[in-house]
Amino acid sequence: MPQEGKFFELFNAHVDQVVLGSEALVSLLAVINDSDEAAAKQCDLIDVIENRADGITHETMRQLHKSFITPLDREEIHQLITSLDDILDLIQDVAHTVTLYDVRHVTAEAVNLGHLCLSCCQRVRSAVALLPSMDNGPEILRICHEVDQLESAADREMRGAMSRLFREEPDVRELIKFKAIYELLETVTDRCEDVANIIEGIVLENS
């Protein structure tokens, strides 16, 4: 593929931040029960990571506008980097919701959803790393299928979490809090699936 602009480097740099953000999210969900200070620290870290990723997105757009030859279709580059950014935006939304709603404990279902988010993000990173060579097409498609399966698992986890929440939670305020958190966590996996679909389209178009 023609190599003008450092697009693949930028994709990899961004998706590294996505994984760091999802790791910080898992850590946040793990420490809520123990320490407000530790939770605040993870929220601040997610903000730093998201801001760093925004800088990479802006640099990608700058490269896109100045490059005459691009290794992928311009629209594909735009879709991929903005969709990666959407994942981190949602991770940040989860962190801010936890803070704004003053969540003092976390459920097992929320922790499970957090780990599913991390698994999705890790696989997205693996797929992005293979993009420079279309010889990797079959492996990329396999990874994208794994993301789809993880997103389906997150759907099932959320449905079970919602069912338990509405059956067992007597405090309406807690119900509202966790309903929002469950939905946001599941939407992180939706955005990962969106990225996987974009990558799948790139592979099928360029193979």
C-alpha atoms as a PDB file:
ATOM      1  CA  MET A   1       0.000   0.000   0.000  1.00  0.00           C
ATOM      2  CA  PRO A   2       1.192   3.570  -0.617  1.00  0.00           C
ATOM      3  CA  GLN A   3       2.604   5.093   2.556  1.00  0.00           C
ATOM      4  CA  GLU A   4       2.074   8.852   2.698  1.00  0.00           C
ATOM      5  CA  GLY A   5       1.283  10.154   6.147  1.00  0.00           C
ATOM      6  CA  LYS A   6       1.701   8.137   9.318  1.00  0.00           C
ATOM      7  CA  PHE A   7      -1.875   6.900   9.432  1.00  0.00           C
ATOM      8  CA  PHE A   8      -1.202   3.393  10.681  1.00  0.00           C
ATOM      9  CA  GLU A   9       1.097   4.755  13.391  1.00  0.00           C
ATOM     10  CA  LEU A  10      -1.629   7.159  14.428  1.00  0.00           C
ATOM     11  CA  PHE A  11      -4.273   4.416  14.468  1.00  0.00           C
ATOM     12  CA  ASN A  12      -2.032   2.287  16.667  1.00  0.00           C
ATOM     13  CA  ALA A  13      -1.235   5.200  18.964  1.00  0.00           C
ATOM     14  CA  HIS A  14      -4.932   5.954  19.366  1.00  0.00           C
ATOM     15  CA  VAL A  15      -6.036   2.389  19.978  1.00  0.00           C
ATOM     16  CA  ASP A  16      -3.294   2.079  22.617  1.00  0.00           C
ATOM     17  CA  GLN A  17      -5.062   4.912  24.441  1.00  0.00           C
ATOM     18  CA  VAL A  18      -8.386   3.109  24.020  1.00  0.00           C
ATOM     19  CA  VAL A  19      -6.954   0.045  25.757  1.00  0.00           C
ATOM     20  CA  LEU A  20      -5.384   2.180  28.497  1.00  0.00           C
ATOM     21  CA  GLY A  21      -8.759   3.850  29.016  1.00  0.00           C
ATOM     22  CA  SER A  22     -10.566   0.522  29.267  1.00  0.00           C
ATOM     23  CA  GLU A  23      -7.939  -0.742  31.735  1.00  0.00           C
ATOM     24  CA  ALA A  24      -8.478   2.385  33.855  1.00  0.00           C
ATOM     25  CA  LEU A  25     -12.237   1.780  33.664  1.00  0.00           C
ATOM     26  CA  VAL A  26     -11.823  -1.758  34.998  1.00  0.00           C
ATOM     27  CA  SER A  27      -9.608  -0.378  37.770  1.00  0.00           C
ATOM     28  CA  LEU A  28     -12.212   2.277  38.575  1.00  0.00           C
ATOM     29  CA  LEU A  29     -14.946  -0.333  38.934  1.00  0.00           C
ATOM     30  CA  ALA A  30     -12.630  -2.411  41.125  1.00  0.00           C
ATOM     31  CA  VAL A  31     -11.847   0.371  43.638  1.00  0.00           C
ATOM     32  CA  ILE A  32     -15.233   2.095  44.026  1.00  0.00           C
ATOM     33  CA  ASN A  33     -16.101  -0.155  46.962  1.00  0.00           C
ATOM     34  CA  ASP A  34     -12.805   0.577  48.722  1.00  0.00           C
ATOM     35  CA  SER A  35     -11.701   4.183  48.286  1.00  0.00           C
ATOM     36  CA  ASP A  36     -13.146   7.444  46.994  1.00  0.00           C
ATOM     37  CA  GLU A  37      -9.609   8.737  46.491  1.00  0.00           C
ATOM     38  CA  ALA A  38      -8.579   5.745  44.393  1.00  0.00           C
ATOM     39  CA  ALA A  39     -11.742   6.055  42.303  1.00  0.00           C
ATOM     40  CA  ALA A  40     -11.113   9.770  41.717  1.00  0.00           C
ATOM     41  CA  LYS A  41      -7.566   8.961  40.632  1.00  0.00           C
ATOM     42  CA  GLN A  42      -8.821   6.536  37.965  1.00  0.00           C
ATOM     43  CA  CYS A  43     -11.394   9.081  36.749  1.00  0.00           C
ATOM     44  CA  ASP A  44      -8.655  11.687  36.387  1.00  0.00           C
ATOM     45  CA  LEU A  45      -6.489   9.177  34.517  1.00  0.00           C
ATOM     46  CA  ILE A  46      -9.319   8.463  32.063  1.00  0.00           C
ATOM     47  CA  ASP A  47      -9.660  12.205  31.421  1.00  0.00           C
ATOM     48  CA  VAL A  48      -5.915  12.445  30.682  1.00  0.00           C
ATOM     49  CA  ILE A  49      -6.062   9.443  28.342  1.00  0.00           C
ATOM     50  CA  GLU A  50      -9.105  10.791  26.506  1.00  0.00           C
ATOM     51  CA  ASN A  51      -7.430  14.167  26.046  1.00  0.00           C
ATOM     52  CA  ARG A  52      -4.289  12.488  24.692  1.00  0.00           C
ATOM     53  CA  ALA A  53      -6.406  10.484  22.237  1.00  0.00           C
ATOM     54  CA  ASP A  54      -8.158  13.676  21.080  1.00  0.00           C
ATOM     55  CA  GLY A  55      -4.733  15.047  20.141  1.00  0.00           C
ATOM     56  CA  ILE A  56      -4.048  11.938  18.048  1.00  0.00           C
ATOM     57  CA  THR A  57      -7.431  12.296  16.343  1.00  0.00           C
ATOM     58  CA  HIS A  58      -6.697  15.928  15.470  1.00  0.00           C
ATOM     59  CA  GLU A  59      -3.267  14.984  14.093  1.00  0.00           C
ATOM     60  CA  THR A  60      -4.876  12.260  11.964  1.00  0.00           C
ATOM     61  CA  MET A  61      -7.308  14.790  10.522  1.00  0.00           C
ATOM     62  CA  ARG A  62      -4.432  17.181   9.814  1.00  0.00           C
ATOM     63  CA  GLN A  63      -2.508  14.443   8.010  1.00  0.00           C
ATOM     64  CA  LEU A  64      -5.637  13.511   6.079  1.00  0.00           C
ATOM     65  CA  HIS A  65      -6.024  17.057   4.769  1.00  0.00           C
ATOM     66  CA  LYS A  66      -2.394  17.486   3.763  1.00  0.00           C
ATOM     67  CA  SER A  67      -1.744  14.033   2.232  1.00  0.00           C
ATOM     68  CA  PHE A  68      -2.111  13.585  -1.501  1.00  0.00           C
ATOM     69  CA  ILE A  69      -1.924   9.780  -1.361  1.00  0.00           C
ATOM     70  CA  THR A  70      -3.495   7.852   1.529  1.00  0.00           C
ATOM     71  CA  PRO A  71      -3.081   4.129   2.307  1.00  0.00           C
ATOM     72  CA  LEU A  72      -6.850   3.726   2.718  1.00  0.00           C
ATOM     73  CA  ASP A  73      -9.873   5.520   1.348  1.00  0.00           C
ATOM     74  CA  ARG A  74     -10.168   8.950   2.990  1.00  0.00           C
ATOM     75  CA  GLU A  75     -13.654   8.225   4.270  1.00  0.00           C
ATOM     76  CA  GLU A  76     -12.424   4.952   5.813  1.00  0.00           C
ATOM     77  CA  ILE A  77      -9.608   6.781   7.611  1.00  0.00           C
ATOM     78  CA  HIS A  78     -12.065   9.378   8.903  1.00  0.00           C
ATOM     79  CA  GLN A  79     -14.578   6.741  10.037  1.00  0.00           C
ATOM     80  CA  LEU A  80     -11.942   4.616  11.743  1.00  0.00           C
ATOM     81  CA  ILE A  81     -10.292   7.374  13.782  1.00  0.00           C
ATOM     82  CA  THR A  82     -13.584   9.002  14.809  1.00  0.00           C
ATOM     83  CA  SER A  83     -15.087   5.637  15.773  1.00  0.00           C
ATOM     84  CA  LEU A  84     -12.017   4.838  17.885  1.00  0.00           C
ATOM     85  CA  ASP A  85     -12.500   8.219  19.546  1.00  0.00           C
ATOM     86  CA  ASP A  86     -16.147   7.373  20.230  1.00  0.00           C
ATOM     87  CA  ILE A  87     -15.058   4.365  22.316  1.00  0.00           C
ATOM     88  CA  LEU A  88     -12.934   6.530  24.607  1.00  0.00           C
ATOM     89  CA  ASP A  89     -15.625   9.209  24.832  1.00  0.00           C
ATOM     90  CA  LEU A  90     -18.026   6.579  26.152  1.00  0.00           C
ATOM     91  CA  ILE A  91     -15.468   5.223  28.611  1.00  0.00           C
ATOM     92  CA  GLN A  92     -15.091   8.780  29.883  1.00  0.00           C
ATOM     93  CA  ASP A  93     -18.907   9.054  30.109  1.00  0.00           C
ATOM     94  CA  VAL A  94     -18.981   5.975  32.347  1.00  0.00           C
ATOM     95  CA  ALA A  95     -16.329   7.456  34.641  1.00  0.00           C
ATOM     96  CA  HIS A  96     -18.113  10.811  34.847  1.00  0.00           C
ATOM     97  CA  THR A  97     -21.467   9.125  35.503  1.00  0.00           C
ATOM     98  CA  VAL A  98     -19.963   7.141  38.376  1.00  0.00           C
ATOM     99  CA  THR A  99     -18.621  10.398  39.828  1.00  0.00           C
ATOM    100  CA  LEU A 100     -21.684  12.572  39.216  1.00  0.00           C
ATOM    101  CA  TYR A 101     -24.077   9.937  40.578  1.00  0.00           C
ATOM    102  CA  ASP A 102     -21.861   9.475  43.650  1.00  0.00           C
ATOM    103  CA  VAL A 103     -21.768   5.701  43.190  1.00  0.00           C
ATOM    104  CA  ARG A 104     -20.428   4.157  46.406  1.00  0.00           C
ATOM    105  CA  HIS A 105     -20.573   0.482  45.519  1.00  0.00           C
ATOM    106  CA  VAL A 106     -20.450  -1.526  42.317  1.00  0.00           C
ATOM    107  CA  THR A 107     -22.277  -4.682  41.294  1.00  0.00           C
ATOM    108  CA  ALA A 108     -20.770  -7.874  39.939  1.00  0.00           C
ATOM    109  CA  GLU A 109     -22.626  -7.275  36.675  1.00  0.00           C
ATOM    110  CA  ALA A 110     -20.999  -3.872  36.216  1.00  0.00           C
ATOM    111  CA  VAL A 111     -17.577  -5.430  36.828  1.00  0.00           C
ATOM    112  CA  ASN A 112     -18.339  -8.163  34.280  1.00  0.00           C
ATOM    113  CA  LEU A 113     -19.391  -5.569  31.719  1.00  0.00           C
ATOM    114  CA  GLY A 114     -16.202  -3.613  32.388  1.00  0.00           C
ATOM    115  CA  HIS A 115     -14.098  -6.690  31.658  1.00  0.00           C
ATOM    116  CA  LEU A 116     -16.062  -7.323  28.452  1.00  0.00           C
ATOM    117  CA  CYS A 117     -15.320  -3.722  27.413  1.00  0.00           C
ATOM    118  CA  LEU A 118     -11.616  -4.315  28.034  1.00  0.00           C
ATOM    119  CA  SER A 119     -11.634  -7.555  26.034  1.00  0.00           C
ATOM    120  CA  CYS A 120     -13.342  -5.812  23.117  1.00  0.00           C
ATOM    121  CA  CYS A 121     -10.825  -2.959  23.191  1.00  0.00           C
ATOM    122  CA  GLN A 122      -7.882  -5.354  23.284  1.00  0.00           C
ATOM    123  CA  ARG A 123      -9.157  -7.184  20.223  1.00  0.00           C
ATOM    124  CA  VAL A 124      -9.776  -3.934  18.384  1.00  0.00           C
ATOM    125  CA  ARG A 125      -6.139  -3.059  19.068  1.00  0.00           C
ATOM    126  CA  SER A 126      -5.039  -6.427  17.671  1.00  0.00           C
ATOM    127  CA  ALA A 127      -7.061  -5.886  14.499  1.00  0.00           C
ATOM    128  CA  VAL A 128      -5.774  -2.330  13.991  1.00  0.00           C
ATOM    129  CA  ALA A 129      -2.169  -3.514  14.401  1.00  0.00           C
ATOM    130  CA  LEU A 130      -2.633  -5.927  11.480  1.00  0.00           C
ATOM    131  CA  LEU A 131      -4.162  -3.377   9.084  1.00  0.00           C
ATOM    132  CA  PRO A 132      -0.958  -2.286   7.247  1.00  0.00           C
ATOM    133  CA  SER A 133      -0.876  -5.573   5.323  1.00  0.00           C
ATOM    134  CA  MET A 134      -3.935  -7.062   3.665  1.00  0.00           C
ATOM    135  CA  ASP A 135      -2.123 -10.406   3.827  1.00  0.00           C
ATOM    136  CA  ASN A 136      -3.423 -10.350   7.402  1.00  0.00           C
ATOM    137  CA  GLY A 137      -7.013 -10.235   6.118  1.00  0.00           C
ATOM    138  CA  PRO A 138      -8.183 -13.644   7.397  1.00  0.00           C
ATOM    139  CA  GLU A 139      -6.720 -13.009  10.876  1.00  0.00           C
ATOM    140  CA  ILE A 140      -8.263  -9.527  11.002  1.00  0.00           C
ATOM    141  CA  LEU A 141     -11.674 -10.927  10.066  1.00  0.00           C
ATOM    142  CA  ARG A 142     -11.335 -13.604  12.767  1.00  0.00           C
ATOM    143  CA  ILE A 143     -10.608 -10.931  15.385  1.00  0.00           C
ATOM    144  CA  CYS A 144     -13.549  -8.823  14.187  1.00  0.00           C
ATOM    145  CA  HIS A 145     -15.785 -11.871  14.638  1.00  0.00           C
ATOM    146  CA  GLU A 146     -14.501 -12.194  18.224  1.00  0.00           C
ATOM    147  CA  VAL A 147     -15.481  -8.567  18.859  1.00  0.00           C
ATOM    148  CA  ASP A 148     -18.991  -9.357  17.574  1.00  0.00           C
ATOM    149  CA  GLN A 149     -19.205 -12.325  19.951  1.00  0.00           C
ATOM    150  CA  LEU A 150     -18.046 -10.224  22.905  1.00  0.00           C
ATOM    151  CA  GLU A 151     -20.618  -7.547  22.074  1.00  0.00           C
ATOM    152  CA  SER A 152     -23.326 -10.233  22.084  1.00  0.00           C
ATOM    153  CA  ALA A 153     -22.045 -11.458  25.454  1.00  0.00           C
ATOM    154  CA  ALA A 154     -22.263  -7.876  26.768  1.00  0.00           C
ATOM    155  CA  ASP A 155     -25.875  -7.686  25.515  1.00  0.00           C
ATOM    156  CA  ARG A 156     -26.729 -10.833  27.468  1.00  0.00           C
ATOM    157  CA  GLU A 157     -24.904  -9.584  30.571  1.00  0.00           C
ATOM    158  CA  MET A 158     -26.774  -6.278  30.445  1.00  0.00           C
ATOM    159  CA  ARG A 159     -30.167  -7.946  30.025  1.00  0.00           C
ATOM    160  CA  GLY A 160     -29.485 -10.150  33.040  1.00  0.00           C
ATOM    161  CA  ALA A 161     -28.222  -7.158  35.030  1.00  0.00           C
ATOM    162  CA  MET A 162     -31.321  -5.116  34.195  1.00  0.00           C
ATOM    163  CA  SER A 163     -33.618  -7.987  35.112  1.00  0.00           C
ATOM    164  CA  ARG A 164     -31.959  -8.414  38.490  1.00  0.00           C
ATOM    165  CA  LEU A 165     -31.881  -4.662  39.081  1.00  0.00           C
ATOM    166  CA  PHE A 166     -35.626  -4.211  38.537  1.00  0.00           C
ATOM    167  CA  ARG A 167     -36.470  -7.323  40.559  1.00  0.00           C
ATOM    168  CA  GLU A 168     -34.186  -6.792  43.542  1.00  0.00           C
ATOM    169  CA  GLU A 169     -33.243  -3.098  43.949  1.00  0.00           C
ATOM    170  CA  PRO A 170     -35.689  -1.361  46.317  1.00  0.00           C
ATOM    171  CA  ASP A 171     -34.014   2.077  46.137  1.00  0.00           C
ATOM    172  CA  VAL A 172     -35.242   3.935  43.060  1.00  0.00           C
ATOM    173  CA  ARG A 173     -32.185   6.218  43.075  1.00  0.00           C
ATOM    174  CA  GLU A 174     -29.818   3.239  42.972  1.00  0.00           C
ATOM    175  CA  LEU A 175     -31.897   1.691  40.213  1.00  0.00           C
ATOM    176  CA  ILE A 176     -31.591   4.851  38.102  1.00  0.00           C
ATOM    177  CA  LYS A 177     -27.840   5.033  38.702  1.00  0.00           C
ATOM    178  CA  PHE A 178     -27.073   1.452  37.728  1.00  0.00           C
ATOM    179  CA  LYS A 179     -29.466   1.402  34.786  1.00  0.00           C
ATOM    180  CA  ALA A 180     -27.478   4.316  33.301  1.00  0.00           C
ATOM    181  CA  ILE A 181     -24.125   2.688  34.074  1.00  0.00           C
ATOM    182  CA  TYR A 182     -25.118  -0.688  32.599  1.00  0.00           C
ATOM    183  CA  GLU A 183     -26.359   0.960  29.424  1.00  0.00           C
ATOM    184  CA  LEU A 184     -23.197   3.028  28.995  1.00  0.00           C
ATOM    185  CA  LEU A 185     -20.937   0.022  29.573  1.00  0.00           C
ATOM    186  CA  GLU A 186     -22.828  -2.038  27.017  1.00  0.00           C
ATOM    187  CA  THR A 187     -22.654   0.846  24.547  1.00  0.00           C
ATOM    188  CA  VAL A 188     -18.840   0.798  24.810  1.00  0.00           C
ATOM    189  CA  THR A 189     -18.952  -2.710  23.340  1.00  0.00           C
ATOM    190  CA  ASP A 190     -21.360  -1.474  20.641  1.00  0.00           C
ATOM    191  CA  ARG A 191     -18.811   1.153  19.600  1.00  0.00           C
ATOM    192  CA  CYS A 192     -16.082  -1.511  19.525  1.00  0.00           C
ATOM    193  CA  GLU A 193     -18.324  -3.539  17.219  1.00  0.00           C
ATOM    194  CA  ASP A 194     -18.743  -0.450  15.013  1.00  0.00           C
ATOM    195  CA  VAL A 195     -14.942  -0.208  14.700  1.00  0.00           C
ATOM    196  CA  ALA A 196     -14.733  -3.939  13.934  1.00  0.00           C
ATOM    197  CA  ASN A 197     -17.331  -3.494  11.178  1.00  0.00           C
ATOM    198  CA  ILE A 198     -15.333  -0.603   9.669  1.00  0.00           C
ATOM    199  CA  ILE A 199     -12.144  -2.681   9.757  1.00  0.00           C
ATOM    200  CA  GLU A 200     -13.972  -5.642   8.232  1.00  0.00           C
ATOM    201  CA  GLY A 201     -15.186  -3.402   5.405  1.00  0.00           C
ATOM    202  CA  ILE A 202     -11.635  -2.111   4.804  1.00  0.00           C
ATOM    203  CA  VAL A 203     -10.319  -5.680   4.550  1.00  0.00           C
ATOM    204  CA  LEU A 204     -13.049  -6.868   2.220  1.00  0.00           C
ATOM    205  CA  GLU A 205     -12.629  -3.816  -0.022  1.00  0.00           C
ATOM    206  CA  ASN A 206      -8.832  -4.009  -0.221  1.00  0.00           C
ATOM    207  CA  SER A 207      -8.206  -7.761  -0.274  1.00  0.00           C
END
